[in-house]
């Protein structure tokens, strides 16, 4: 069992004018939920509001990532961290994607037009069981997301609530 502790020290002045050291400990979640999903094949002709798929899932502790839909579904309530890295191929339009939580855009990713470009975002979210998080193309049709293990989507439970 891995234990991560954070110590907060506070001092109280009592009637004898001595200090009492009070320590509070926090521990890592008992349930391990973590995934890494990697894009192996390029995804061509991606439509606006279409999920970006990640075919290779080398880590899926807790089985919360659904590779058929490209969606992470929370099984516990807690604070989660997500990271997205995408490579956009040389196309005439810029590339815009988003990390989405239950249909709401949390952060956007941008790739320049007429050049190869890599973009990334990292966020922390509080999720409840059943909440969904995924990566989606936004703004332009006919996009291509490069594979060859250059694009990925990862997440993990940081703190169980």
N, C-alpha and C. Protein backbone atom coordinates (compact mmCIF):
# COMPACT_ATOMS: atom_id res chain seq x y z
N UNK A 1 0.83 -1.17 0.00
CA UNK A 1 0.00 0.00 0.00
C UNK A 1 0.88 1.24 0.00
N UNK A 2 0.62 2.13 -0.91
CA UNK A 2 1.37 3.38 -0.99
C UNK A 2 0.65 4.41 -0.13
N UNK A 3 1.37 5.09 0.72
CA UNK A 3 0.78 6.11 1.58
C UNK A 3 1.45 7.44 1.28
N UNK A 4 0.63 8.41 0.94
CA UNK A 4 1.12 9.76 0.74
C UNK A 4 0.59 10.59 1.90
N UNK A 5 1.45 11.23 2.64
CA UNK A 5 1.01 12.00 3.79
C UNK A 5 1.34 13.46 3.61
N UNK A 6 0.44 14.28 4.00
CA UNK A 6 0.66 15.71 4.05
C UNK A 6 0.48 16.11 5.51
N UNK A 7 1.41 16.82 6.05
CA UNK A 7 1.32 17.22 7.44
C UNK A 7 1.03 18.71 7.53
N UNK A 8 0.04 19.03 8.29
CA UNK A 8 -0.30 20.42 8.57
C UNK A 8 -0.05 20.62 10.05
N UNK A 9 0.80 21.53 10.36
CA UNK A 9 1.14 21.76 11.76
C UNK A 9 0.48 23.05 12.22
N UNK A 10 -0.27 22.98 13.27
CA UNK A 10 -0.86 24.17 13.87
C UNK A 10 -0.45 24.20 15.34
N UNK A 11 -0.45 25.35 15.90
CA UNK A 11 -0.07 25.50 17.29
C UNK A 11 -1.22 26.16 18.06
N UNK A 12 -1.50 25.60 19.21
CA UNK A 12 -2.51 26.18 20.09
C UNK A 12 -1.80 26.64 21.36
N UNK A 13 -2.14 27.79 21.81
CA UNK A 13 -1.57 28.32 23.05
C UNK A 13 -2.52 27.91 24.17
N UNK A 14 -2.03 27.12 25.14
CA UNK A 14 -2.90 26.72 26.25
C UNK A 14 -2.64 27.63 27.45
N UNK A 15 -3.31 27.34 28.52
CA UNK A 15 -3.21 28.22 29.70
C UNK A 15 -1.83 28.22 30.34
N UNK A 16 -1.02 27.20 30.06
CA UNK A 16 0.33 27.17 30.63
C UNK A 16 1.35 27.77 29.68
N UNK A 17 0.88 28.36 28.60
CA UNK A 17 1.72 29.03 27.62
C UNK A 17 2.72 28.10 26.93
N UNK A 18 2.32 26.84 26.71
CA UNK A 18 3.16 25.93 25.93
C UNK A 18 2.46 25.65 24.61
N UNK A 19 3.21 25.24 23.64
CA UNK A 19 2.66 24.94 22.33
C UNK A 19 2.39 23.45 22.20
N UNK A 20 1.26 23.14 21.59
CA UNK A 20 0.93 21.74 21.32
C UNK A 20 0.98 21.53 19.82
N UNK A 21 1.73 20.55 19.38
CA UNK A 21 1.86 20.24 17.96
C UNK A 21 0.72 19.31 17.56
N UNK A 22 -0.11 19.76 16.65
CA UNK A 22 -1.24 18.98 16.19
C UNK A 22 -0.99 18.60 14.74
N UNK A 23 -1.02 17.31 14.46
CA UNK A 23 -0.78 16.85 13.09
C UNK A 23 -2.01 16.15 12.54
N UNK A 24 -2.30 16.46 11.28
CA UNK A 24 -3.40 15.81 10.57
C UNK A 24 -2.80 15.10 9.36
N UNK A 25 -3.19 13.86 9.13
CA UNK A 25 -2.65 13.11 8.01
C UNK A 25 -3.74 12.83 6.99
N UNK A 26 -3.33 12.81 5.72
CA UNK A 26 -4.21 12.42 4.62
C UNK A 26 -3.52 11.29 3.87
N UNK A 27 -4.31 10.36 3.36
CA UNK A 27 -3.76 9.19 2.71
C UNK A 27 -4.25 9.09 1.27
N UNK A 28 -3.50 8.42 0.45
CA UNK A 28 -3.87 8.16 -0.94
C UNK A 28 -5.13 7.29 -0.96
N UNK A 29 -5.91 7.35 -2.05
CA UNK A 29 -7.13 6.54 -2.12
C UNK A 29 -6.81 5.04 -2.05
N UNK A 30 -7.72 4.30 -1.42
CA UNK A 30 -7.54 2.86 -1.33
C UNK A 30 -7.84 2.17 -2.65
N UNK A 31 -8.72 2.76 -3.44
CA UNK A 31 -9.10 2.20 -4.74
C UNK A 31 -8.24 2.82 -5.82
N UNK A 32 -7.54 1.99 -6.59
CA UNK A 32 -6.71 2.49 -7.67
C UNK A 32 -7.54 2.60 -8.94
N UNK A 33 -7.67 3.81 -9.45
CA UNK A 33 -8.32 4.04 -10.74
C UNK A 33 -7.35 4.87 -11.56
N UNK A 34 -6.86 4.30 -12.65
CA UNK A 34 -5.91 5.00 -13.51
C UNK A 34 -5.94 4.37 -14.90
N UNK A 35 -5.78 5.22 -15.92
CA UNK A 35 -5.74 4.69 -17.28
C UNK A 35 -4.79 5.52 -18.14
N UNK A 36 -4.25 4.88 -19.14
CA UNK A 36 -3.53 5.54 -20.22
C UNK A 36 -4.02 4.92 -21.51
N UNK A 37 -4.47 5.77 -22.42
CA UNK A 37 -4.97 5.32 -23.72
C UNK A 37 -4.16 6.04 -24.80
N UNK A 38 -3.70 5.28 -25.78
CA UNK A 38 -2.79 5.80 -26.80
C UNK A 38 -3.39 5.60 -28.18
N UNK A 39 -3.26 6.62 -29.01
CA UNK A 39 -3.74 6.54 -30.39
C UNK A 39 -2.67 5.90 -31.24
N UNK A 40 -2.97 4.72 -31.78
CA UNK A 40 -2.02 3.98 -32.61
C UNK A 40 -2.24 4.32 -34.08
N UNK A 41 -3.47 4.23 -34.52
CA UNK A 41 -3.81 4.55 -35.92
C UNK A 41 -4.29 5.99 -36.00
N UNK A 42 -3.95 6.66 -37.09
CA UNK A 42 -4.48 8.00 -37.30
C UNK A 42 -5.98 7.92 -37.49
N UNK A 43 -6.68 8.90 -36.97
CA UNK A 43 -8.14 8.96 -37.11
C UNK A 43 -8.45 10.03 -38.14
N UNK A 44 -8.91 9.60 -39.32
CA UNK A 44 -9.15 10.50 -40.44
C UNK A 44 -10.61 10.92 -40.52
N UNK A 45 -10.84 12.07 -41.16
CA UNK A 45 -12.18 12.58 -41.43
C UNK A 45 -13.01 12.68 -40.14
N UNK A 46 -12.41 13.19 -39.10
CA UNK A 46 -13.09 13.34 -37.82
C UNK A 46 -14.07 14.51 -37.93
N UNK A 47 -15.32 14.25 -37.62
CA UNK A 47 -16.36 15.27 -37.72
C UNK A 47 -16.40 16.14 -36.47
N UNK A 48 -17.02 17.29 -36.61
CA UNK A 48 -17.26 18.18 -35.48
C UNK A 48 -18.08 17.42 -34.42
N UNK A 49 -17.70 17.56 -33.16
CA UNK A 49 -18.35 16.91 -32.01
C UNK A 49 -18.23 15.39 -32.00
N UNK A 50 -17.26 14.85 -32.73
CA UNK A 50 -16.99 13.42 -32.71
C UNK A 50 -15.89 13.14 -31.70
N UNK A 51 -16.06 12.05 -30.92
CA UNK A 51 -15.03 11.66 -29.95
C UNK A 51 -13.77 11.21 -30.66
N UNK A 52 -12.64 11.51 -30.04
CA UNK A 52 -11.36 11.03 -30.53
C UNK A 52 -11.11 9.69 -29.83
N UNK A 53 -10.79 8.69 -30.62
CA UNK A 53 -10.63 7.33 -30.11
C UNK A 53 -9.16 7.02 -29.86
N UNK A 54 -8.90 6.22 -28.84
CA UNK A 54 -7.56 5.80 -28.47
C UNK A 54 -7.58 4.28 -28.39
N UNK A 55 -6.90 3.63 -29.34
CA UNK A 55 -7.03 2.18 -29.52
C UNK A 55 -6.24 1.33 -28.53
N UNK A 56 -5.08 1.79 -28.15
CA UNK A 56 -4.22 1.00 -27.28
C UNK A 56 -4.38 1.50 -25.84
N UNK A 57 -4.73 0.60 -24.93
CA UNK A 57 -4.93 0.97 -23.53
C UNK A 57 -3.99 0.12 -22.68
N UNK A 58 -2.74 0.57 -22.51
CA UNK A 58 -1.78 -0.23 -21.76
C UNK A 58 -2.05 -0.27 -20.26
N UNK A 59 -2.82 0.70 -19.76
CA UNK A 59 -3.17 0.72 -18.34
C UNK A 59 -4.65 1.07 -18.21
N UNK A 60 -5.40 0.23 -17.49
CA UNK A 60 -6.81 0.50 -17.23
C UNK A 60 -7.19 -0.09 -15.87
N UNK A 61 -6.51 0.37 -14.81
CA UNK A 61 -6.80 -0.08 -13.45
C UNK A 61 -8.17 0.43 -13.05
N UNK A 62 -9.03 -0.47 -12.63
CA UNK A 62 -10.38 -0.11 -12.25
C UNK A 62 -11.36 -0.22 -13.42
N UNK A 63 -10.84 -0.50 -14.62
CA UNK A 63 -11.65 -0.67 -15.84
C UNK A 63 -12.64 0.46 -16.07
N UNK A 64 -12.24 1.69 -15.83
CA UNK A 64 -13.13 2.84 -15.99
C UNK A 64 -13.06 3.46 -17.38
N UNK A 65 -12.03 3.12 -18.18
CA UNK A 65 -11.92 3.67 -19.53
C UNK A 65 -12.52 2.70 -20.53
N UNK A 66 -13.47 3.18 -21.33
CA UNK A 66 -14.13 2.39 -22.36
C UNK A 66 -13.49 2.74 -23.71
N UNK A 67 -12.64 1.88 -24.22
CA UNK A 67 -11.93 2.18 -25.47
C UNK A 67 -12.84 2.14 -26.69
N UNK A 68 -13.98 1.44 -26.60
CA UNK A 68 -14.91 1.40 -27.73
C UNK A 68 -15.58 2.75 -27.95
N UNK A 69 -15.76 3.52 -26.89
CA UNK A 69 -16.40 4.84 -26.97
C UNK A 69 -15.41 5.98 -26.76
N UNK A 70 -14.20 5.66 -26.26
CA UNK A 70 -13.23 6.70 -25.96
C UNK A 70 -13.61 7.52 -24.74
N UNK A 71 -14.31 6.89 -23.78
CA UNK A 71 -14.88 7.60 -22.64
C UNK A 71 -14.39 6.99 -21.33
N UNK A 72 -14.01 7.87 -20.40
CA UNK A 72 -13.73 7.47 -19.03
C UNK A 72 -15.02 7.65 -18.23
N UNK A 73 -15.42 6.62 -17.48
CA UNK A 73 -16.62 6.69 -16.65
C UNK A 73 -16.21 6.47 -15.20
N UNK A 74 -16.40 7.49 -14.38
CA UNK A 74 -15.99 7.42 -12.97
C UNK A 74 -16.77 6.35 -12.23
N UNK A 75 -16.06 5.58 -11.41
CA UNK A 75 -16.70 4.56 -10.58
C UNK A 75 -16.67 4.95 -9.10
N UNK A 76 -15.94 6.01 -8.78
CA UNK A 76 -15.84 6.52 -7.41
C UNK A 76 -15.99 8.04 -7.44
N UNK A 77 -16.37 8.61 -6.30
CA UNK A 77 -16.39 10.06 -6.18
C UNK A 77 -15.02 10.51 -5.73
N UNK A 78 -14.50 11.55 -6.39
CA UNK A 78 -13.19 12.03 -5.99
C UNK A 78 -12.65 13.09 -6.92
N UNK A 79 -11.41 13.46 -6.66
CA UNK A 79 -10.67 14.41 -7.50
C UNK A 79 -9.81 13.59 -8.44
N UNK A 80 -9.95 13.85 -9.73
CA UNK A 80 -9.24 13.13 -10.77
C UNK A 80 -8.36 14.09 -11.56
N UNK A 81 -7.25 13.57 -12.05
CA UNK A 81 -6.38 14.34 -12.94
C UNK A 81 -6.46 13.71 -14.33
N UNK A 82 -6.56 14.55 -15.37
CA UNK A 82 -6.58 14.09 -16.76
C UNK A 82 -5.56 14.86 -17.57
N UNK A 83 -4.91 14.16 -18.48
CA UNK A 83 -3.95 14.76 -19.40
C UNK A 83 -4.27 14.31 -20.81
N UNK A 84 -4.26 15.26 -21.74
CA UNK A 84 -4.51 14.98 -23.15
C UNK A 84 -3.34 15.52 -23.96
N UNK A 85 -2.81 14.70 -24.88
CA UNK A 85 -1.78 15.12 -25.83
C UNK A 85 -2.26 14.70 -27.21
N UNK A 86 -2.32 15.66 -28.14
CA UNK A 86 -2.79 15.37 -29.50
C UNK A 86 -1.84 15.95 -30.53
N UNK A 87 -1.63 15.20 -31.62
CA UNK A 87 -0.85 15.71 -32.75
C UNK A 87 -1.79 15.90 -33.93
N UNK A 88 -1.76 17.11 -34.47
CA UNK A 88 -2.56 17.49 -35.63
C UNK A 88 -1.66 17.48 -36.86
N UNK A 89 -2.13 16.84 -37.94
CA UNK A 89 -1.33 16.77 -39.16
C UNK A 89 -1.44 18.09 -39.93
N UNK A 90 -0.58 18.25 -40.92
CA UNK A 90 -0.56 19.44 -41.77
C UNK A 90 -1.85 19.49 -42.58
N UNK A 91 -2.78 20.38 -42.18
CA UNK A 91 -4.06 20.56 -42.86
C UNK A 91 -4.36 22.05 -42.99
N UNK A 92 -5.24 22.43 -43.94
CA UNK A 92 -5.52 23.85 -44.14
C UNK A 92 -6.26 24.52 -42.98
N UNK A 93 -7.04 23.77 -42.20
CA UNK A 93 -7.74 24.35 -41.05
C UNK A 93 -6.97 24.09 -39.77
N UNK A 94 -7.08 25.00 -38.81
CA UNK A 94 -6.52 24.69 -37.50
C UNK A 94 -7.33 23.56 -36.88
N UNK A 95 -6.81 23.01 -35.82
CA UNK A 95 -7.47 21.92 -35.12
C UNK A 95 -7.90 22.41 -33.75
N UNK A 96 -9.15 22.13 -33.40
CA UNK A 96 -9.65 22.44 -32.06
C UNK A 96 -10.30 21.20 -31.47
N UNK A 97 -9.86 20.83 -30.29
CA UNK A 97 -10.45 19.71 -29.56
C UNK A 97 -10.77 20.20 -28.16
N UNK A 98 -11.49 19.37 -27.41
CA UNK A 98 -11.85 19.75 -26.04
C UNK A 98 -11.85 18.52 -25.15
N UNK A 99 -11.50 18.73 -23.90
CA UNK A 99 -11.73 17.73 -22.87
C UNK A 99 -13.11 18.06 -22.31
N UNK A 100 -14.00 17.07 -22.32
CA UNK A 100 -15.40 17.29 -22.01
C UNK A 100 -15.79 16.46 -20.79
N UNK A 101 -16.54 17.10 -19.88
CA UNK A 101 -17.05 16.42 -18.68
C UNK A 101 -18.57 16.50 -18.71
N UNK A 102 -19.24 15.35 -18.87
CA UNK A 102 -20.70 15.28 -18.91
C UNK A 102 -21.30 16.26 -19.92
N UNK A 103 -20.68 16.38 -21.08
CA UNK A 103 -21.20 17.25 -22.13
C UNK A 103 -20.74 18.69 -22.06
N UNK A 104 -20.00 19.06 -21.01
CA UNK A 104 -19.53 20.44 -20.84
C UNK A 104 -18.03 20.53 -21.14
N UNK A 105 -17.66 21.46 -21.99
CA UNK A 105 -16.25 21.68 -22.32
C UNK A 105 -15.54 22.22 -21.09
N UNK A 106 -14.45 21.55 -20.70
CA UNK A 106 -13.65 21.99 -19.56
C UNK A 106 -12.45 22.81 -20.04
N UNK A 107 -11.68 22.26 -20.97
CA UNK A 107 -10.55 22.97 -21.57
C UNK A 107 -10.51 22.65 -23.06
N UNK A 108 -9.91 23.56 -23.81
CA UNK A 108 -9.77 23.36 -25.25
C UNK A 108 -8.30 23.16 -25.61
N UNK A 109 -8.09 22.50 -26.75
CA UNK A 109 -6.75 22.29 -27.29
C UNK A 109 -6.73 22.86 -28.70
N UNK A 110 -5.61 23.46 -29.09
CA UNK A 110 -5.49 24.10 -30.41
C UNK A 110 -4.24 23.60 -31.13
N UNK A 111 -4.41 23.33 -32.42
CA UNK A 111 -3.29 23.00 -33.29
C UNK A 111 -3.32 23.92 -34.50
N UNK A 112 -2.19 24.45 -34.89
CA UNK A 112 -2.10 25.40 -36.00
C UNK A 112 -2.41 24.75 -37.34
N UNK A 113 -2.84 25.56 -38.29
CA UNK A 113 -3.08 25.09 -39.66
C UNK A 113 -1.77 25.10 -40.45
N UNK A 114 -1.75 24.31 -41.52
CA UNK A 114 -0.63 24.25 -42.47
C UNK A 114 0.71 23.87 -41.83
N UNK A 115 0.67 23.11 -40.75
CA UNK A 115 1.87 22.60 -40.12
C UNK A 115 1.50 21.44 -39.21
N UNK A 116 2.47 20.62 -38.89
CA UNK A 116 2.27 19.59 -37.86
C UNK A 116 2.35 20.29 -36.52
N UNK A 117 1.45 19.96 -35.62
CA UNK A 117 1.43 20.66 -34.34
C UNK A 117 0.99 19.70 -33.23
N UNK A 118 1.61 19.82 -32.06
CA UNK A 118 1.22 19.02 -30.91
C UNK A 118 0.69 19.96 -29.84
N UNK A 119 -0.39 19.52 -29.18
CA UNK A 119 -1.04 20.34 -28.17
C UNK A 119 -1.38 19.47 -26.96
N UNK A 120 -1.42 20.07 -25.77
CA UNK A 120 -1.73 19.28 -24.57
C UNK A 120 -2.42 20.15 -23.52
N UNK A 121 -3.13 19.48 -22.62
CA UNK A 121 -3.78 20.11 -21.48
C UNK A 121 -3.77 19.12 -20.33
N UNK A 122 -3.69 19.63 -19.11
CA UNK A 122 -3.83 18.83 -17.90
C UNK A 122 -4.81 19.54 -16.99
N UNK A 123 -5.78 18.78 -16.45
CA UNK A 123 -6.78 19.37 -15.57
C UNK A 123 -7.06 18.45 -14.38
N UNK A 124 -7.61 19.03 -13.33
CA UNK A 124 -8.12 18.30 -12.17
C UNK A 124 -9.63 18.55 -12.12
N UNK A 125 -10.40 17.48 -11.92
CA UNK A 125 -11.86 17.59 -11.86
C UNK A 125 -12.39 16.79 -10.68
N UNK A 126 -13.45 17.29 -10.07
CA UNK A 126 -14.18 16.53 -9.07
C UNK A 126 -15.29 15.78 -9.79
N UNK A 127 -15.29 14.45 -9.67
CA UNK A 127 -16.27 13.61 -10.36
C UNK A 127 -17.09 12.81 -9.37
N UNK A 128 -18.29 12.47 -9.80
CA UNK A 128 -19.16 11.56 -9.06
C UNK A 128 -19.27 10.27 -9.85
N UNK A 129 -19.66 9.16 -9.22
CA UNK A 129 -19.83 7.91 -9.97
C UNK A 129 -20.79 8.10 -11.15
N UNK A 130 -20.38 7.60 -12.31
CA UNK A 130 -21.18 7.72 -13.53
C UNK A 130 -20.83 8.92 -14.39
N UNK A 131 -20.06 9.87 -13.86
CA UNK A 131 -19.63 11.02 -14.67
C UNK A 131 -18.74 10.54 -15.81
N UNK A 132 -18.86 11.21 -16.96
CA UNK A 132 -18.09 10.84 -18.14
C UNK A 132 -17.13 11.95 -18.53
N UNK A 133 -15.91 11.54 -18.93
CA UNK A 133 -14.89 12.47 -19.40
C UNK A 133 -14.33 11.90 -20.69
N UNK A 134 -14.21 12.74 -21.72
CA UNK A 134 -13.72 12.28 -23.02
C UNK A 134 -13.12 13.45 -23.78
N UNK A 135 -12.46 13.12 -24.90
CA UNK A 135 -11.83 14.12 -25.77
C UNK A 135 -12.62 14.15 -27.07
N UNK A 136 -12.95 15.34 -27.52
CA UNK A 136 -13.82 15.49 -28.68
C UNK A 136 -13.26 16.55 -29.63
N UNK A 137 -13.43 16.32 -30.92
CA UNK A 137 -13.11 17.32 -31.93
C UNK A 137 -14.20 18.40 -31.91
N UNK A 138 -13.83 19.65 -32.00
CA UNK A 138 -14.81 20.74 -32.05
C UNK A 138 -14.44 21.70 -33.19
N UNK A 139 -15.38 22.46 -33.67
CA UNK A 139 -15.23 23.57 -34.62
C UNK A 139 -15.08 23.19 -36.09
N UNK A 140 -14.28 22.18 -36.47
CA UNK A 140 -14.05 21.90 -37.88
C UNK A 140 -14.30 20.42 -38.21
N UNK A 141 -14.86 20.17 -39.39
CA UNK A 141 -15.03 18.81 -39.89
C UNK A 141 -13.78 18.37 -40.64
N UNK A 142 -13.70 17.08 -40.95
CA UNK A 142 -12.64 16.49 -41.78
C UNK A 142 -11.24 16.62 -41.18
N UNK A 143 -11.15 16.56 -39.87
CA UNK A 143 -9.85 16.65 -39.20
C UNK A 143 -9.17 15.29 -39.19
N UNK A 144 -7.85 15.32 -39.04
CA UNK A 144 -7.07 14.09 -38.88
C UNK A 144 -6.25 14.22 -37.61
N UNK A 145 -6.41 13.23 -36.73
CA UNK A 145 -5.62 13.15 -35.50
C UNK A 145 -4.56 12.07 -35.72
N UNK A 146 -3.32 12.46 -35.58
CA UNK A 146 -2.22 11.55 -35.87
C UNK A 146 -2.07 10.50 -34.76
N UNK A 147 -1.79 9.28 -35.17
CA UNK A 147 -1.59 8.17 -34.24
C UNK A 147 -0.12 7.90 -34.02
N UNK A 148 0.31 6.69 -34.33
CA UNK A 148 1.71 6.26 -34.18
C UNK A 148 2.23 6.52 -32.77
N UNK A 149 1.34 6.46 -31.78
CA UNK A 149 1.65 6.64 -30.35
C UNK A 149 2.09 8.06 -29.99
N UNK A 150 1.75 9.05 -30.83
CA UNK A 150 2.05 10.45 -30.51
C UNK A 150 0.91 11.12 -29.74
N UNK A 151 -0.30 10.59 -29.83
CA UNK A 151 -1.46 11.19 -29.17
C UNK A 151 -1.92 10.26 -28.05
N UNK A 152 -2.31 10.85 -26.90
CA UNK A 152 -2.71 10.02 -25.75
C UNK A 152 -3.71 10.76 -24.87
N UNK A 153 -4.37 9.97 -24.03
CA UNK A 153 -5.35 10.46 -23.05
C UNK A 153 -5.14 9.64 -21.79
N UNK A 154 -4.89 10.29 -20.66
CA UNK A 154 -4.62 9.60 -19.40
C UNK A 154 -5.41 10.23 -18.28
N UNK A 155 -5.68 9.43 -17.24
CA UNK A 155 -6.36 9.97 -16.07
C UNK A 155 -6.14 9.09 -14.86
N UNK A 156 -6.35 9.67 -13.68
CA UNK A 156 -6.21 8.88 -12.46
C UNK A 156 -6.97 9.54 -11.31
N UNK A 157 -7.40 8.70 -10.38
CA UNK A 157 -8.01 9.17 -9.15
C UNK A 157 -6.89 9.66 -8.23
N UNK A 158 -6.94 10.92 -7.87
CA UNK A 158 -5.92 11.51 -7.00
C UNK A 158 -6.37 11.44 -5.54
N UNK A 159 -7.65 11.74 -5.33
CA UNK A 159 -8.16 11.84 -3.97
C UNK A 159 -9.60 11.36 -3.93
N UNK A 160 -9.88 10.34 -3.16
CA UNK A 160 -11.24 9.82 -3.02
C UNK A 160 -12.00 10.68 -2.01
N UNK A 161 -13.22 11.07 -2.36
CA UNK A 161 -14.05 11.91 -1.46
C UNK A 161 -15.13 11.08 -0.80
